[in-house]
Structure formats: structure tokens, C-alpha cells
């Protein structure tokens, strides 16, 4: 019998596995060791949010408290 060549799974879809990565906001909060009640008073978190408001996830409530408006809003 002849040896089969190639990938037998060619053309079959790969199983889609969702990764559980931490978003940048959560990573920063963890690095700064902030609790949710400390978010509003953190100057470093506020500066990061101002720089990244259009490209990263930031809770809408914080943007409103700090009066930070995204480009489209």
C-alpha cells in the first residue's frame, strides 16, 4: 500500500479556542495593586486612560467621572 502524503486535516476548520487573556486595563490595575474603590483617585490610572481612551477598554463609568471623552464621542 502506498504511503499517504499531506495533511489529512487540510481543509477542515481548526477548533476555535477562546483565550482568557487579561485586558490592558485589568493588567494595569493589578500592577498598581488598586482596588475598585481606588480607581477614581489614581492619577497614574487616569493618565493611562487619557492616553489609551480610543484603543483600550476602560470602564465607561470611570471615563465619565474623569470627564474623558473618546474621539467619536
PDB file of N, CA and C in Angstrom:
ATOM      1  N   UNK A   1       0.832  -1.178   0.000  1.00  0.00           N
ATOM      2  CA  UNK A   1       0.000   0.000   0.000  1.00  0.00           C
ATOM      3  C   UNK A   1       0.883   1.250   0.000  1.00  0.00           C
ATOM      4  N   UNK A   2       0.524   2.222  -0.771  1.00  0.00           N
ATOM      5  CA  UNK A   2       1.302   3.453  -0.900  1.00  0.00           C
ATOM      6  C   UNK A   2       1.118   4.327   0.346  1.00  0.00           C
ATOM      7  N   UNK A   3       2.189   5.028   0.698  1.00  0.00           N
ATOM      8  CA  UNK A   3       2.135   5.925   1.853  1.00  0.00           C
ATOM      9  C   UNK A   3       1.335   7.172   1.489  1.00  0.00           C
ATOM     10  N   UNK A   4       0.428   7.551   2.357  1.00  0.00           N
ATOM     11  CA  UNK A   4      -0.381   8.746   2.116  1.00  0.00           C
ATOM     12  C   UNK A   4       0.441   9.985   2.415  1.00  0.00           C
ATOM     13  N   UNK A   5       0.300  10.975   1.585  1.00  0.00           N
ATOM     14  CA  UNK A   5       1.061  12.202   1.732  1.00  0.00           C
ATOM     15  C   UNK A   5       0.151  13.362   2.089  1.00  0.00           C
ATOM     16  N   UNK A   6       0.719  14.366   2.737  1.00  0.00           N
ATOM     17  CA  UNK A   6      -0.024  15.581   3.032  1.00  0.00           C
ATOM     18  C   UNK A   6      -0.722  15.535   4.376  1.00  0.00           C
ATOM     19  N   UNK A   7      -1.385  16.592   4.673  1.00  0.00           N
ATOM     20  CA  UNK A   7      -2.094  16.754   5.939  1.00  0.00           C
ATOM     21  C   UNK A   7      -3.512  16.214   5.791  1.00  0.00           C
ATOM     22  N   UNK A   8      -3.873  15.198   6.556  1.00  0.00           N
ATOM     23  CA  UNK A   8      -5.221  14.643   6.421  1.00  0.00           C
ATOM     24  C   UNK A   8      -6.317  15.608   6.896  1.00  0.00           C
ATOM     25  N   UNK A   9      -5.933  16.626   7.638  1.00  0.00           N
ATOM     26  CA  UNK A   9      -6.917  17.601   8.137  1.00  0.00           C
ATOM     27  C   UNK A   9      -6.983  18.856   7.278  1.00  0.00           C
ATOM     28  N   UNK A  10      -6.329  18.845   6.118  1.00  0.00           N
ATOM     29  CA  UNK A  10      -6.341  20.005   5.256  1.00  0.00           C
ATOM     30  C   UNK A  10      -7.776  20.330   4.846  1.00  0.00           C
ATOM     31  N   UNK A  11      -8.142  21.573   4.979  1.00  0.00           N
ATOM     32  CA  UNK A  11      -9.483  21.989   4.589  1.00  0.00           C
ATOM     33  C   UNK A  11     -10.508  21.880   5.696  1.00  0.00           C
ATOM     34  N   UNK A  12     -10.156  21.233   6.796  1.00  0.00           N
ATOM     35  CA  UNK A  12     -11.074  21.147   7.933  1.00  0.00           C
ATOM     36  C   UNK A  12     -10.822  22.341   8.843  1.00  0.00           C
ATOM     37  N   UNK A  13     -11.867  22.947   9.343  1.00  0.00           N
ATOM     38  CA  UNK A  13     -11.661  24.124  10.202  1.00  0.00           C
ATOM     39  C   UNK A  13     -10.983  23.747  11.519  1.00  0.00           C
ATOM     40  N   UNK A  14     -10.119  24.641  11.968  1.00  0.00           N
ATOM     41  CA  UNK A  14      -9.461  24.466  13.265  1.00  0.00           C
ATOM     42  C   UNK A  14     -10.485  24.737  14.359  1.00  0.00           C
ATOM     43  N   UNK A  15     -10.418  24.008  15.449  1.00  0.00           N
ATOM     44  CA  UNK A  15     -11.323  24.335  16.557  1.00  0.00           C
ATOM     45  C   UNK A  15     -10.959  25.709  17.114  1.00  0.00           C
ATOM     46  N   UNK A  16     -11.956  26.538  17.303  1.00  0.00           N
ATOM     47  CA  UNK A  16     -11.738  27.897  17.802  1.00  0.00           C
ATOM     48  C   UNK A  16     -11.720  27.863  19.318  1.00  0.00           C
ATOM     49  N   UNK A  17     -10.577  28.208  19.885  1.00  0.00           N
ATOM     50  CA  UNK A  17     -10.428  28.211  21.333  1.00  0.00           C
ATOM     51  C   UNK A  17     -10.249  29.643  21.789  1.00  0.00           C
ATOM     52  N   UNK A  18     -11.119  30.078  22.643  1.00  0.00           N
ATOM     53  CA  UNK A  18     -11.058  31.436  23.163  1.00  0.00           C
ATOM     54  C   UNK A  18     -10.015  31.510  24.258  1.00  0.00           C
ATOM     55  N   UNK A  19      -9.086  32.424  24.106  1.00  0.00           N
ATOM     56  CA  UNK A  19      -8.081  32.568  25.156  1.00  0.00           C
ATOM     57  C   UNK A  19      -8.640  33.464  26.253  1.00  0.00           C
ATOM     58  N   UNK A  20      -8.184  33.245  27.438  1.00  0.00           N
ATOM     59  CA  UNK A  20      -8.653  34.039  28.562  1.00  0.00           C
ATOM     60  C   UNK A  20      -7.546  35.002  28.964  1.00  0.00           C
ATOM     61  N   UNK A  21      -7.282  35.977  28.091  1.00  0.00           N
ATOM     62  CA  UNK A  21      -6.236  36.937  28.388  1.00  0.00           C
ATOM     63  C   UNK A  21      -6.819  38.106  29.180  1.00  0.00           C
ATOM     64  N   UNK A  22      -5.974  38.712  29.958  1.00  0.00           N
ATOM     65  CA  UNK A  22      -6.374  39.856  30.767  1.00  0.00           C
ATOM     66  C   UNK A  22      -6.192  41.105  29.917  1.00  0.00           C
ATOM     67  N   UNK A  23      -7.186  41.982  29.901  1.00  0.00           N
ATOM     68  CA  UNK A  23      -7.063  43.199  29.110  1.00  0.00           C
ATOM     69  C   UNK A  23      -6.063  44.155  29.766  1.00  0.00           C
ATOM     70  N   UNK A  24      -5.642  45.143  29.015  1.00  0.00           N
ATOM     71  CA  UNK A  24      -4.635  46.085  29.492  1.00  0.00           C
ATOM     72  C   UNK A  24      -5.075  46.810  30.756  1.00  0.00           C
ATOM     73  N   UNK A  25      -6.341  47.214  30.824  1.00  0.00           N
ATOM     74  CA  UNK A  25      -6.843  47.925  31.997  1.00  0.00           C
ATOM     75  C   UNK A  25      -6.693  47.052  33.233  1.00  0.00           C
ATOM     76  N   UNK A  26      -7.115  45.806  33.128  1.00  0.00           N
ATOM     77  CA  UNK A  26      -7.014  44.894  34.271  1.00  0.00           C
ATOM     78  C   UNK A  26      -5.564  44.624  34.653  1.00  0.00           C
ATOM     79  N   UNK A  27      -4.690  44.534  33.652  1.00  0.00           N
ATOM     80  CA  UNK A  27      -3.269  44.319  33.931  1.00  0.00           C
ATOM     81  C   UNK A  27      -2.680  45.496  34.696  1.00  0.00           C
ATOM     82  N   UNK A  28      -3.026  46.703  34.266  1.00  0.00           N
ATOM     83  CA  UNK A  28      -2.512  47.894  34.932  1.00  0.00           C
ATOM     84  C   UNK A  28      -3.026  47.996  36.360  1.00  0.00           C
ATOM     85  N   UNK A  29      -4.313  47.739  36.540  1.00  0.00           N
ATOM     86  CA  UNK A  29      -4.906  47.783  37.877  1.00  0.00           C
ATOM     87  C   UNK A  29      -4.216  46.777  38.791  1.00  0.00           C
ATOM     88  N   UNK A  30      -3.940  45.600  38.253  1.00  0.00           N
ATOM     89  CA  UNK A  30      -3.267  44.568  39.041  1.00  0.00           C
ATOM     90  C   UNK A  30      -1.840  44.999  39.384  1.00  0.00           C
ATOM     91  N   UNK A  31      -1.146  45.571  38.403  1.00  0.00           N
ATOM     92  CA  UNK A  31       0.223  46.013  38.628  1.00  0.00           C
ATOM     93  C   UNK A  31       0.286  47.135  39.679  1.00  0.00           C
ATOM     94  N   UNK A  32      -0.696  48.051  39.626  1.00  0.00           N
ATOM     95  CA  UNK A  32      -0.738  49.159  40.585  1.00  0.00           C
ATOM     96  C   UNK A  32      -1.316  48.747  41.937  1.00  0.00           C
ATOM     97  N   UNK A  33      -1.826  47.517  41.997  1.00  0.00           N
ATOM     98  CA  UNK A  33      -2.434  46.972  43.218  1.00  0.00           C
ATOM     99  C   UNK A  33      -3.573  47.860  43.723  1.00  0.00           C
ATOM    100  N   UNK A  34      -4.468  48.213  42.769  1.00  0.00           N
ATOM    101  CA  UNK A  34      -5.618  49.052  43.101  1.00  0.00           C
ATOM    102  C   UNK A  34      -6.855  48.203  43.335  1.00  0.00           C
ATOM    103  N   UNK A  35      -7.666  48.653  44.262  1.00  0.00           N
ATOM    104  CA  UNK A  35      -8.982  48.057  44.452  1.00  0.00           C
ATOM    105  C   UNK A  35      -9.976  48.946  43.718  1.00  0.00           C
ATOM    106  N   UNK A  36     -11.163  48.441  43.379  1.00  0.00           N
ATOM    107  CA  UNK A  36     -12.126  49.251  42.631  1.00  0.00           C
ATOM    108  C   UNK A  36     -12.444  50.600  43.279  1.00  0.00           C
ATOM    109  N   UNK A  37     -12.432  50.680  44.593  1.00  0.00           N
ATOM    110  CA  UNK A  37     -12.732  51.969  45.227  1.00  0.00           C
ATOM    111  C   UNK A  37     -11.558  52.946  45.144  1.00  0.00           C
ATOM    112  N   UNK A  38     -10.396  52.497  44.658  1.00  0.00           N
ATOM    113  CA  UNK A  38      -9.234  53.375  44.496  1.00  0.00           C
ATOM    114  C   UNK A  38      -9.049  53.854  43.055  1.00  0.00           C
ATOM    115  N   UNK A  39      -9.829  53.327  42.114  1.00  0.00           N
ATOM    116  CA  UNK A  39      -9.667  53.673  40.706  1.00  0.00           C
ATOM    117  C   UNK A  39      -9.760  55.180  40.469  1.00  0.00           C
ATOM    118  N   UNK A  40     -10.800  55.803  40.991  1.00  0.00           N
ATOM    119  CA  UNK A  40     -11.047  57.219  40.721  1.00  0.00           C
ATOM    120  C   UNK A  40      -9.929  58.124  41.219  1.00  0.00           C
ATOM    121  N   UNK A  41      -9.297  57.770  42.322  1.00  0.00           N
ATOM    122  CA  UNK A  41      -8.269  58.635  42.910  1.00  0.00           C
ATOM    123  C   UNK A  41      -6.864  58.365  42.374  1.00  0.00           C
ATOM    124  N   UNK A  42      -6.701  57.379  41.518  1.00  0.00           N
ATOM    125  CA  UNK A  42      -5.384  57.035  40.991  1.00  0.00           C
ATOM    126  C   UNK A  42      -5.024  57.938  39.813  1.00  0.00           C
ATOM    127  N   UNK A  43      -4.013  58.787  40.015  1.00  0.00           N
ATOM    128  CA  UNK A  43      -3.561  59.687  38.948  1.00  0.00           C
ATOM    129  C   UNK A  43      -2.899  58.911  37.805  1.00  0.00           C
ATOM    130  N   UNK A  44      -2.158  57.871  38.146  1.00  0.00           N
ATOM    131  CA  UNK A  44      -1.492  57.081  37.115  1.00  0.00           C
ATOM    132  C   UNK A  44      -2.508  56.371  36.225  1.00  0.00           C
ATOM    133  N   UNK A  45      -3.553  55.834  36.817  1.00  0.00           N
ATOM    134  CA  UNK A  45      -4.611  55.178  36.050  1.00  0.00           C
ATOM    135  C   UNK A  45      -5.339  56.193  35.175  1.00  0.00           C
ATOM    136  N   UNK A  46      -5.548  57.377  35.687  1.00  0.00           N
ATOM    137  CA  UNK A  46      -6.220  58.429  34.919  1.00  0.00           C
ATOM    138  C   UNK A  46      -5.367  58.840  33.714  1.00  0.00           C
ATOM    139  N   UNK A  47      -4.062  59.036  33.919  1.00  0.00           N
ATOM    140  CA  UNK A  47      -3.180  59.409  32.807  1.00  0.00           C
ATOM    141  C   UNK A  47      -3.152  58.317  31.740  1.00  0.00           C
ATOM    142  N   UNK A  48      -3.067  57.049  32.186  1.00  0.00           N
ATOM    143  CA  UNK A  48      -3.079  55.939  31.241  1.00  0.00           C
ATOM    144  C   UNK A  48      -4.389  55.933  30.454  1.00  0.00           C
ATOM    145  N   UNK A  49      -5.485  56.187  31.141  1.00  0.00           N
ATOM    146  CA  UNK A  49      -6.807  56.184  30.498  1.00  0.00           C
ATOM    147  C   UNK A  49      -6.920  57.297  29.468  1.00  0.00           C
ATOM    148  N   UNK A  50      -6.367  58.466  29.769  1.00  0.00           N
ATOM    149  CA  UNK A  50      -6.401  59.575  28.813  1.00  0.00           C
ATOM    150  C   UNK A  50      -5.618  59.240  27.552  1.00  0.00           C
ATOM    151  N   UNK A  51      -4.477  58.570  27.715  1.00  0.00           N
ATOM    152  CA  UNK A  51      -3.656  58.201  26.559  1.00  0.00           C
ATOM    153  C   UNK A  51      -4.285  57.080  25.733  1.00  0.00           C
ATOM    154  N   UNK A  52      -5.008  56.174  26.383  1.00  0.00           N
ATOM    155  CA  UNK A  52      -5.496  54.964  25.718  1.00  0.00           C
ATOM    156  C   UNK A  52      -7.008  54.905  25.543  1.00  0.00           C
ATOM    157  N   UNK A  53      -7.683  55.999  25.724  1.00  0.00           N
ATOM    158  CA  UNK A  53      -9.151  56.008  25.702  1.00  0.00           C
ATOM    159  C   UNK A  53      -9.752  55.515  24.389  1.00  0.00           C
ATOM    160  N   UNK A  54      -9.026  55.674  23.294  1.00  0.00           N
ATOM    161  CA  UNK A  54      -9.569  55.289  21.992  1.00  0.00           C
ATOM    162  C   UNK A  54      -9.151  53.903  21.530  1.00  0.00           C
ATOM    163  N   UNK A  55      -8.220  53.273  22.247  1.00  0.00           N
ATOM    164  CA  UNK A  55      -7.733  51.985  21.767  1.00  0.00           C
ATOM    165  C   UNK A  55      -7.836  50.843  22.775  1.00  0.00           C
ATOM    166  N   UNK A  56      -8.082  51.146  24.026  1.00  0.00           N
ATOM    167  CA  UNK A  56      -8.140  50.111  25.060  1.00  0.00           C
ATOM    168  C   UNK A  56      -9.482  50.175  25.785  1.00  0.00           C
ATOM    169  N   UNK A  57      -9.820  49.049  26.417  1.00  0.00           N
ATOM    170  CA  UNK A  57     -11.048  49.005  27.224  1.00  0.00           C
ATOM    171  C   UNK A  57     -10.807  49.765  28.519  1.00  0.00           C
ATOM    172  N   UNK A  58     -11.703  50.709  28.802  1.00  0.00           N
ATOM    173  CA  UNK A  58     -11.721  51.439  30.070  1.00  0.00           C
ATOM    174  C   UNK A  58     -13.184  51.520  30.473  1.00  0.00           C
ATOM    175  N   UNK A  59     -13.520  51.169  31.710  1.00  0.00           N
ATOM    176  CA  UNK A  59     -14.920  51.226  32.118  1.00  0.00           C
ATOM    177  C   UNK A  59     -15.530  52.610  31.869  1.00  0.00           C
ATOM    178  N   UNK A  60     -16.696  52.613  31.264  1.00  0.00           N
ATOM    179  CA  UNK A  60     -17.382  53.849  30.903  1.00  0.00           C
ATOM    180  C   UNK A  60     -17.607  54.757  32.112  1.00  0.00           C
ATOM    181  N   UNK A  61     -17.890  54.168  33.263  1.00  0.00           N
ATOM    182  CA  UNK A  61     -18.140  54.967  34.463  1.00  0.00           C
ATOM    183  C   UNK A  61     -16.916  55.799  34.835  1.00  0.00           C
ATOM    184  N   UNK A  62     -15.730  55.225  34.686  1.00  0.00           N
ATOM    185  CA  UNK A  62     -14.503  55.968  35.003  1.00  0.00           C
ATOM    186  C   UNK A  62     -14.286  57.112  34.020  1.00  0.00           C
ATOM    187  N   UNK A  63     -14.522  56.851  32.754  1.00  0.00           N
ATOM    188  CA  UNK A  63     -14.372  57.914  31.755  1.00  0.00           C
ATOM    189  C   UNK A  63     -15.312  59.075  32.060  1.00  0.00           C
ATOM    190  N   UNK A  64     -16.513  58.761  32.499  1.00  0.00           N
ATOM    191  CA  UNK A  64     -17.474  59.806  32.844  1.00  0.00           C
ATOM    192  C   UNK A  64     -17.050  60.577  34.087  1.00  0.00           C
ATOM    193  N   UNK A  65     -16.569  59.870  35.104  1.00  0.00           N
ATOM    194  CA  UNK A  65     -16.131  60.523  36.336  1.00  0.00           C
ATOM    195  C   UNK A  65     -14.979  61.481  36.046  1.00  0.00           C
ATOM    196  N   UNK A  66     -14.037  61.049  35.198  1.00  0.00           N
ATOM    197  CA  UNK A  66     -12.881  61.878  34.878  1.00  0.00           C
ATOM    198  C   UNK A  66     -13.163  62.862  33.745  1.00  0.00           C
ATOM    199  N   UNK A  67     -14.356  62.826  33.180  1.00  0.00           N
ATOM    200  CA  UNK A  67     -14.758  63.688  32.080  1.00  0.00           C
ATOM    201  C   UNK A  67     -13.823  63.516  30.873  1.00  0.00           C
ATOM    202  N   UNK A  68     -13.535  62.272  30.547  1.00  0.00           N
ATOM    203  CA  UNK A  68     -12.704  61.924  29.396  1.00  0.00           C
ATOM    204  C   UNK A  68     -13.627  61.466  28.287  1.00  0.00           C
ATOM    205  N   UNK A  69     -13.557  62.136  27.151  1.00  0.00           N
ATOM    206  CA  UNK A  69     -14.408  61.787  26.014  1.00  0.00           C
ATOM    207  C   UNK A  69     -13.591  61.103  24.929  1.00  0.00           C
ATOM    208  N   UNK A  70     -14.048  59.954  24.435  1.00  0.00           N
ATOM    209  CA  UNK A  70     -13.361  59.309  23.314  1.00  0.00           C
ATOM    210  C   UNK A  70     -13.476  60.166  22.059  1.00  0.00           C
ATOM    211  N   UNK A  71     -12.634  59.898  21.047  1.00  0.00           N
ATOM    212  CA  UNK A  71     -12.625  60.665  19.808  1.00  0.00           C
ATOM    213  C   UNK A  71     -13.996  60.780  19.177  1.00  0.00           C
ATOM    214  N   UNK A  72     -14.724  59.655  19.131  1.00  0.00           N
ATOM    215  CA  UNK A  72     -16.023  59.641  18.444  1.00  0.00           C
ATOM    216  C   UNK A  72     -17.162  60.118  19.324  1.00  0.00           C
ATOM    217  N   UNK A  73     -16.892  60.502  20.556  1.00  0.00           N
ATOM    218  CA  UNK A  73     -17.973  60.886  21.444  1.00  0.00           C
ATOM    219  C   UNK A  73     -17.785  62.211  21.990  1.00  0.00           C
TER     220      UNK A  73
END
